Amino acid sequence: MSLDFNSLFRDDTLDSACPECNSSISFKLSDVGSVIVCPNCKVEIKLDSSSGFNESIDSLDNSLSELKDILAKLDK
């Protein structure tokens, strides 16, 4: 079993407001870093990932790796 950010959260959906028309838009965490289109006004929205976002993913992956190692030791 894979235990990392992508296996746990990549398909989670977030809601936000379109910066152009303010209508509600949903996107998946896996969409971060790509361009989505507002379903209402059709404006293209670039979902930039900040360095903080990437650092958080790295930190979470490290913590999950440590947890996986601990669980493996307990299983022995």
PDB file of N, CA and C in Angstrom:
ATOM      1  N   MET A   1       0.837  -1.182   0.000  1.00  0.00           N
ATOM      2  CA  MET A   1       0.000   0.000   0.000  1.00  0.00           C
ATOM      3  C   MET A   1       0.882   1.246   0.000  1.00  0.00           C
ATOM      4  N   SER A   2       0.575   2.142  -0.893  1.00  0.00           N
ATOM      5  CA  SER A   2       1.316   3.393  -0.971  1.00  0.00           C
ATOM      6  C   SER A   2       0.759   4.361   0.068  1.00  0.00           C
ATOM      7  N   LEU A   3       1.667   4.999   0.784  1.00  0.00           N
ATOM      8  CA  LEU A   3       1.258   5.944   1.816  1.00  0.00           C
ATOM      9  C   LEU A   3       1.982   7.258   1.563  1.00  0.00           C
ATOM     10  N   ASP A   4       1.364   8.104   0.718  1.00  0.00           N
ATOM     11  CA  ASP A   4       1.934   9.409   0.419  1.00  0.00           C
ATOM     12  C   ASP A   4       0.807  10.379   0.068  1.00  0.00           C
ATOM     13  N   PHE A   5       1.168  11.633  -0.131  1.00  0.00           N
ATOM     14  CA  PHE A   5       0.181  12.670  -0.415  1.00  0.00           C
ATOM     15  C   PHE A   5      -0.720  12.290  -1.579  1.00  0.00           C
ATOM     16  N   ASN A   6      -0.121  11.869  -2.687  1.00  0.00           N
ATOM     17  CA  ASN A   6      -0.910  11.579  -3.878  1.00  0.00           C
ATOM     18  C   ASN A   6      -1.886  10.440  -3.664  1.00  0.00           C
ATOM     19  N   SER A   7      -1.459   9.396  -2.967  1.00  0.00           N
ATOM     20  CA  SER A   7      -2.360   8.257  -2.767  1.00  0.00           C
ATOM     21  C   SER A   7      -3.509   8.620  -1.829  1.00  0.00           C
ATOM     22  N   LEU A   8      -3.283   9.567  -0.937  1.00  0.00           N
ATOM     23  CA  LEU A   8      -4.303   9.916   0.046  1.00  0.00           C
ATOM     24  C   LEU A   8      -5.185  11.106  -0.353  1.00  0.00           C
ATOM     25  N   PHE A   9      -4.608  12.097  -1.037  1.00  0.00           N
ATOM     26  CA  PHE A   9      -5.330  13.366  -1.202  1.00  0.00           C
ATOM     27  C   PHE A   9      -5.482  13.890  -2.620  1.00  0.00           C
ATOM     28  N   ARG A  10      -4.836  13.315  -3.604  1.00  0.00           N
ATOM     29  CA  ARG A  10      -4.831  13.910  -4.942  1.00  0.00           C
ATOM     30  C   ARG A  10      -6.222  14.067  -5.545  1.00  0.00           C
ATOM     31  N   ASP A  11      -7.182  13.207  -5.148  1.00  0.00           N
ATOM     32  CA  ASP A  11      -8.532  13.288  -5.699  1.00  0.00           C
ATOM     33  C   ASP A  11      -9.500  14.073  -4.813  1.00  0.00           C
ATOM     34  N   ASP A  12      -8.992  14.647  -3.718  1.00  0.00           N
ATOM     35  CA  ASP A  12      -9.840  15.482  -2.864  1.00  0.00           C
ATOM     36  C   ASP A  12     -10.221  16.753  -3.619  1.00  0.00           C
ATOM     37  N   THR A  13     -11.445  17.183  -3.412  1.00  0.00           N
ATOM     38  CA  THR A  13     -11.980  18.338  -4.125  1.00  0.00           C
ATOM     39  C   THR A  13     -12.022  19.561  -3.220  1.00  0.00           C
ATOM     40  N   LEU A  14     -11.600  20.680  -3.774  1.00  0.00           N
ATOM     41  CA  LEU A  14     -11.673  21.969  -3.087  1.00  0.00           C
ATOM     42  C   LEU A  14     -12.632  22.867  -3.853  1.00  0.00           C
ATOM     43  N   ASP A  15     -13.270  23.764  -3.132  1.00  0.00           N
ATOM     44  CA  ASP A  15     -14.166  24.743  -3.751  1.00  0.00           C
ATOM     45  C   ASP A  15     -13.562  26.125  -3.594  1.00  0.00           C
ATOM     46  N   SER A  16     -13.750  26.943  -4.619  1.00  0.00           N
ATOM     47  CA  SER A  16     -13.249  28.308  -4.597  1.00  0.00           C
ATOM     48  C   SER A  16     -14.187  29.166  -5.437  1.00  0.00           C
ATOM     49  N   ALA A  17     -13.883  30.437  -5.496  1.00  0.00           N
ATOM     50  CA  ALA A  17     -14.664  31.352  -6.332  1.00  0.00           C
ATOM     51  C   ALA A  17     -13.834  31.738  -7.550  1.00  0.00           C
ATOM     52  N   CYS A  18     -14.485  31.825  -8.670  1.00  0.00           N
ATOM     53  CA  CYS A  18     -13.824  32.268  -9.897  1.00  0.00           C
ATOM     54  C   CYS A  18     -13.368  33.717  -9.703  1.00  0.00           C
ATOM     55  N   PRO A  19     -12.121  34.020 -10.049  1.00  0.00           N
ATOM     56  CA  PRO A  19     -11.631  35.394  -9.884  1.00  0.00           C
ATOM     57  C   PRO A  19     -12.278  36.382 -10.861  1.00  0.00           C
ATOM     58  N   GLU A  20     -12.915  35.862 -11.894  1.00  0.00           N
ATOM     59  CA  GLU A  20     -13.532  36.731 -12.902  1.00  0.00           C
ATOM     60  C   GLU A  20     -15.010  36.997 -12.610  1.00  0.00           C
ATOM     61  N   CYS A  21     -15.790  35.923 -12.381  1.00  0.00           N
ATOM     62  CA  CYS A  21     -17.245  36.075 -12.230  1.00  0.00           C
ATOM     63  C   CYS A  21     -17.744  35.739 -10.824  1.00  0.00           C
ATOM     64  N   ASN A  22     -16.835  35.283  -9.968  1.00  0.00           N
ATOM     65  CA  ASN A  22     -17.127  34.963  -8.575  1.00  0.00           C
ATOM     66  C   ASN A  22     -18.051  33.753  -8.401  1.00  0.00           C
ATOM     67  N   SER A  23     -18.277  32.994  -9.469  1.00  0.00           N
ATOM     68  CA  SER A  23     -19.110  31.818  -9.309  1.00  0.00           C
ATOM     69  C   SER A  23     -18.276  30.686  -8.698  1.00  0.00           C
ATOM     70  N   SER A  24     -18.961  29.757  -8.076  1.00  0.00           N
ATOM     71  CA  SER A  24     -18.298  28.656  -7.382  1.00  0.00           C
ATOM     72  C   SER A  24     -17.667  27.694  -8.388  1.00  0.00           C
ATOM     73  N   ILE A  25     -16.422  27.337  -8.134  1.00  0.00           N
ATOM     74  CA  ILE A  25     -15.739  26.335  -8.965  1.00  0.00           C
ATOM     75  C   ILE A  25     -15.116  25.298  -8.040  1.00  0.00           C
ATOM     76  N   SER A  26     -15.066  24.086  -8.512  1.00  0.00           N
ATOM     77  CA  SER A  26     -14.446  22.990  -7.776  1.00  0.00           C
ATOM     78  C   SER A  26     -13.261  22.473  -8.577  1.00  0.00           C
ATOM     79  N   PHE A  27     -12.237  22.045  -7.848  1.00  0.00           N
ATOM     80  CA  PHE A  27     -11.083  21.442  -8.505  1.00  0.00           C
ATOM     81  C   PHE A  27     -10.459  20.435  -7.548  1.00  0.00           C
ATOM     82  N   LYS A  28      -9.717  19.511  -8.103  1.00  0.00           N
ATOM     83  CA  LYS A  28      -9.037  18.499  -7.306  1.00  0.00           C
ATOM     84  C   LYS A  28      -7.631  18.983  -6.968  1.00  0.00           C
ATOM     85  N   LEU A  29      -7.097  18.488  -5.876  1.00  0.00           N
ATOM     86  CA  LEU A  29      -5.723  18.837  -5.520  1.00  0.00           C
ATOM     87  C   LEU A  29      -4.751  18.435  -6.621  1.00  0.00           C
ATOM     88  N   SER A  30      -5.080  17.390  -7.357  1.00  0.00           N
ATOM     89  CA  SER A  30      -4.217  16.981  -8.469  1.00  0.00           C
ATOM     90  C   SER A  30      -4.214  18.006  -9.600  1.00  0.00           C
ATOM     91  N   ASP A  31      -5.173  18.944  -9.605  1.00  0.00           N
ATOM     92  CA  ASP A  31      -5.221  20.003 -10.622  1.00  0.00           C
ATOM     93  C   ASP A  31      -4.247  21.142 -10.340  1.00  0.00           C
ATOM     94  N   VAL A  32      -3.729  21.206  -9.109  1.00  0.00           N
ATOM     95  CA  VAL A  32      -2.797  22.286  -8.762  1.00  0.00           C
ATOM     96  C   VAL A  32      -1.580  22.193  -9.680  1.00  0.00           C
ATOM     97  N   GLY A  33      -1.218  23.317 -10.261  1.00  0.00           N
ATOM     98  CA  GLY A  33      -0.118  23.360 -11.224  1.00  0.00           C
ATOM     99  C   GLY A  33      -0.610  23.341 -12.661  1.00  0.00           C
ATOM    100  N   SER A  34      -1.920  23.200 -12.847  1.00  0.00           N
ATOM    101  CA  SER A  34      -2.463  23.181 -14.201  1.00  0.00           C
ATOM    102  C   SER A  34      -3.452  24.339 -14.387  1.00  0.00           C
ATOM    103  N   VAL A  35      -4.127  24.348 -15.511  1.00  0.00           N
ATOM    104  CA  VAL A  35      -5.121  25.377 -15.826  1.00  0.00           C
ATOM    105  C   VAL A  35      -6.494  24.715 -15.848  1.00  0.00           C
ATOM    106  N   ILE A  36      -7.449  25.323 -15.140  1.00  0.00           N
ATOM    107  CA  ILE A  36      -8.828  24.853 -15.199  1.00  0.00           C
ATOM    108  C   ILE A  36      -9.672  25.950 -15.845  1.00  0.00           C
ATOM    109  N   VAL A  37     -10.892  25.602 -16.229  1.00  0.00           N
ATOM    110  CA  VAL A  37     -11.780  26.557 -16.887  1.00  0.00           C
ATOM    111  C   VAL A  37     -13.028  26.722 -16.026  1.00  0.00           C
ATOM    112  N   CYS A  38     -13.396  27.968 -15.756  1.00  0.00           N
ATOM    113  CA  CYS A  38     -14.618  28.256 -15.008  1.00  0.00           C
ATOM    114  C   CYS A  38     -15.811  27.745 -15.810  1.00  0.00           C
ATOM    115  N   PRO A  39     -16.672  26.939 -15.182  1.00  0.00           N
ATOM    116  CA  PRO A  39     -17.833  26.427 -15.920  1.00  0.00           C
ATOM    117  C   PRO A  39     -18.856  27.505 -16.258  1.00  0.00           C
ATOM    118  N   ASN A  40     -18.788  28.646 -15.588  1.00  0.00           N
ATOM    119  CA  ASN A  40     -19.760  29.711 -15.826  1.00  0.00           C
ATOM    120  C   ASN A  40     -19.301  30.683 -16.908  1.00  0.00           C
ATOM    121  N   CYS A  41     -18.144  31.318 -16.711  1.00  0.00           N
ATOM    122  CA  CYS A  41     -17.702  32.364 -17.648  1.00  0.00           C
ATOM    123  C   CYS A  41     -16.615  31.893 -18.618  1.00  0.00           C
ATOM    124  N   LYS A  42     -16.144  30.676 -18.424  1.00  0.00           N
ATOM    125  CA  LYS A  42     -15.155  30.041 -19.317  1.00  0.00           C
ATOM    126  C   LYS A  42     -13.759  30.659 -19.259  1.00  0.00           C
ATOM    127  N   VAL A  43     -13.480  31.483 -18.252  1.00  0.00           N
ATOM    128  CA  VAL A  43     -12.143  32.044 -18.105  1.00  0.00           C
ATOM    129  C   VAL A  43     -11.190  30.920 -17.685  1.00  0.00           C
ATOM    130  N   GLU A  44      -9.978  30.981 -18.186  1.00  0.00           N
ATOM    131  CA  GLU A  44      -8.959  30.009 -17.791  1.00  0.00           C
ATOM    132  C   GLU A  44      -8.298  30.482 -16.504  1.00  0.00           C
ATOM    133  N   ILE A  45      -8.166  29.571 -15.554  1.00  0.00           N
ATOM    134  CA  ILE A  45      -7.601  29.884 -14.245  1.00  0.00           C
ATOM    135  C   ILE A  45      -6.400  28.984 -14.018  1.00  0.00           C
ATOM    136  N   LYS A  46      -5.236  29.617 -13.865  1.00  0.00           N
ATOM    137  CA  LYS A  46      -4.018  28.849 -13.605  1.00  0.00           C
ATOM    138  C   LYS A  46      -3.918  28.607 -12.094  1.00  0.00           C
ATOM    139  N   LEU A  47      -3.871  27.351 -11.726  1.00  0.00           N
ATOM    140  CA  LEU A  47      -3.761  26.977 -10.320  1.00  0.00           C
ATOM    141  C   LEU A  47      -2.287  26.785  -9.974  1.00  0.00           C
ATOM    142  N   ASP A  48      -1.640  27.906  -9.690  1.00  0.00           N
ATOM    143  CA  ASP A  48      -0.224  27.861  -9.338  1.00  0.00           C
ATOM    144  C   ASP A  48      -0.036  27.189  -7.991  1.00  0.00           C
ATOM    145  N   SER A  49       1.039  26.444  -7.883  1.00  0.00           N
ATOM    146  CA  SER A  49       1.390  25.889  -6.571  1.00  0.00           C
ATOM    147  C   SER A  49       2.481  26.763  -5.981  1.00  0.00           C
ATOM    148  N   SER A  50       2.266  27.195  -4.778  1.00  0.00           N
ATOM    149  CA  SER A  50       3.268  28.023  -4.115  1.00  0.00           C
ATOM    150  C   SER A  50       4.353  27.125  -3.544  1.00  0.00           C
ATOM    151  N   SER A  51       5.471  27.713  -3.182  1.00  0.00           N
ATOM    152  CA  SER A  51       6.532  26.916  -2.576  1.00  0.00           C
ATOM    153  C   SER A  51       6.042  26.330  -1.256  1.00  0.00           C
ATOM    154  N   GLY A  52       5.161  27.051  -0.550  1.00  0.00           N
ATOM    155  CA  GLY A  52       4.602  26.536   0.696  1.00  0.00           C
ATOM    156  C   GLY A  52       3.776  25.279   0.478  1.00  0.00           C
ATOM    157  N   PHE A  53       3.034  25.241  -0.629  1.00  0.00           N
ATOM    158  CA  PHE A  53       2.239  24.054  -0.967  1.00  0.00           C
ATOM    159  C   PHE A  53       3.154  22.868  -1.202  1.00  0.00           C
ATOM    160  N   ASN A  54       4.195  23.086  -2.005  1.00  0.00           N
ATOM    161  CA  ASN A  54       5.131  22.001  -2.309  1.00  0.00           C
ATOM    162  C   ASN A  54       5.891  21.556  -1.069  1.00  0.00           C
ATOM    163  N   GLU A  55       6.281  22.502  -0.233  1.00  0.00           N
ATOM    164  CA  GLU A  55       6.977  22.163   1.014  1.00  0.00           C
ATOM    165  C   GLU A  55       6.068  21.365   1.939  1.00  0.00           C
ATOM    166  N   SER A  56       4.790  21.710   1.968  1.00  0.00           N
ATOM    167  CA  SER A  56       3.837  20.973   2.801  1.00  0.00           C
ATOM    168  C   SER A  56       3.677  19.538   2.317  1.00  0.00           C
ATOM    169  N   ILE A  57       3.626  19.351   1.009  1.00  0.00           N
ATOM    170  CA  ILE A  57       3.531  18.003   0.455  1.00  0.00           C
ATOM    171  C   ILE A  57       4.776  17.203   0.823  1.00  0.00           C
ATOM    172  N   ASP A  58       5.954  17.804   0.667  1.00  0.00           N
ATOM    173  CA  ASP A  58       7.201  17.116   1.023  1.00  0.00           C
ATOM    174  C   ASP A  58       7.228  16.741   2.501  1.00  0.00           C
ATOM    175  N   SER A  59       6.811  17.664   3.348  1.00  0.00           N
ATOM    176  CA  SER A  59       6.789  17.410   4.787  1.00  0.00           C
ATOM    177  C   SER A  59       5.816  16.285   5.128  1.00  0.00           C
ATOM    178  N   LEU A  60       4.642  16.322   4.519  1.00  0.00           N
ATOM    179  CA  LEU A  60       3.656  15.271   4.753  1.00  0.00           C
ATOM    180  C   LEU A  60       4.176  13.923   4.275  1.00  0.00           C
ATOM    181  N   ASP A  61       4.784  13.890   3.098  1.00  0.00           N
ATOM    182  CA  ASP A  61       5.339  12.638   2.579  1.00  0.00           C
ATOM    183  C   ASP A  61       6.423  12.088   3.504  1.00  0.00           C
ATOM    184  N   ASN A  62       7.266  12.961   4.049  1.00  0.00           N
ATOM    185  CA  ASN A  62       8.301  12.509   4.987  1.00  0.00           C
ATOM    186  C   ASN A  62       7.671  11.934   6.250  1.00  0.00           C
ATOM    187  N   SER A  63       6.664  12.602   6.778  1.00  0.00           N
ATOM    188  CA  SER A  63       5.988  12.119   7.984  1.00  0.00           C
ATOM    189  C   SER A  63       5.298  10.780   7.730  1.00  0.00           C
ATOM    190  N   LEU A  64       4.661  10.646   6.581  1.00  0.00           N
ATOM    191  CA  LEU A  64       3.991   9.395   6.251  1.00  0.00           C
ATOM    192  C   LEU A  64       4.992   8.259   6.059  1.00  0.00           C
ATOM    193  N   SER A  65       6.156   8.574   5.509  1.00  0.00           N
ATOM    194  CA  SER A  65       7.207   7.571   5.356  1.00  0.00           C
ATOM    195  C   SER A  65       7.703   7.093   6.718  1.00  0.00           C
ATOM    196  N   GLU A  66       7.878   8.040   7.626  1.00  0.00           N
ATOM    197  CA  GLU A  66       8.296   7.678   8.982  1.00  0.00           C
ATOM    198  C   GLU A  66       7.224   6.826   9.661  1.00  0.00           C
ATOM    199  N   LEU A  67       5.959   7.184   9.483  1.00  0.00           N
ATOM    200  CA  LEU A  67       4.873   6.396  10.053  1.00  0.00           C
ATOM    201  C   LEU A  67       4.858   4.986   9.483  1.00  0.00           C
ATOM    202  N   LYS A  68       5.065   4.881   8.181  1.00  0.00           N
ATOM    203  CA  LYS A  68       5.099   3.569   7.533  1.00  0.00           C
ATOM    204  C   LYS A  68       6.226   2.720   8.115  1.00  0.00           C
ATOM    205  N   ASP A  69       7.398   3.312   8.344  1.00  0.00           N
ATOM    206  CA  ASP A  69       8.531   2.590   8.942  1.00  0.00           C
ATOM    207  C   ASP A  69       8.201   2.132  10.357  1.00  0.00           C
ATOM    208  N   ILE A  70       7.559   2.989  11.133  1.00  0.00           N
ATOM    209  CA  ILE A  70       7.185   2.636  12.513  1.00  0.00           C
ATOM    210  C   ILE A  70       6.189   1.486  12.504  1.00  0.00           C
ATOM    211  N   LEU A  71       5.200   1.570  11.642  1.00  0.00           N
ATOM    212  CA  LEU A  71       4.204   0.510  11.564  1.00  0.00           C
ATOM    213  C   LEU A  71       4.822  -0.814  11.123  1.00  0.00           C
ATOM    214  N   ALA A  72       5.797  -0.744  10.218  1.00  0.00           N
ATOM    215  CA  ALA A  72       6.470  -1.968   9.769  1.00  0.00           C
ATOM    216  C   ALA A  72       7.242  -2.601  10.928  1.00  0.00           C
ATOM    217  N   LYS A  73       7.869  -1.787  11.767  1.00  0.00           N
ATOM    218  CA  LYS A  73       8.603  -2.307  12.919  1.00  0.00           C
ATOM    219  C   LYS A  73       7.654  -2.930  13.925  1.00  0.00           C
ATOM    220  N   LEU A  74       6.488  -2.337  14.115  1.00  0.00           N
ATOM    221  CA  LEU A  74       5.510  -2.879  15.051  1.00  0.00           C
ATOM    222  C   LEU A  74       4.916  -4.190  14.568  1.00  0.00           C
ATOM    223  N   ASP A  75       4.899  -4.359  13.258  1.00  0.00           N
ATOM    224  CA  ASP A  75       4.323  -5.554  12.650  1.00  0.00           C
ATOM    225  C   ASP A  75       5.236  -6.770  12.810  1.00  0.00           C
ATOM    226  N   LYS A  76       6.519  -6.536  13.111  1.00  0.00           N
ATOM    227  CA  LYS A  76       7.490  -7.643  13.195  1.00  0.00           C
ATOM    228  C   LYS A  76       7.398  -8.344  14.504  1.00  0.00           C
TER     229      LYS A  76
END
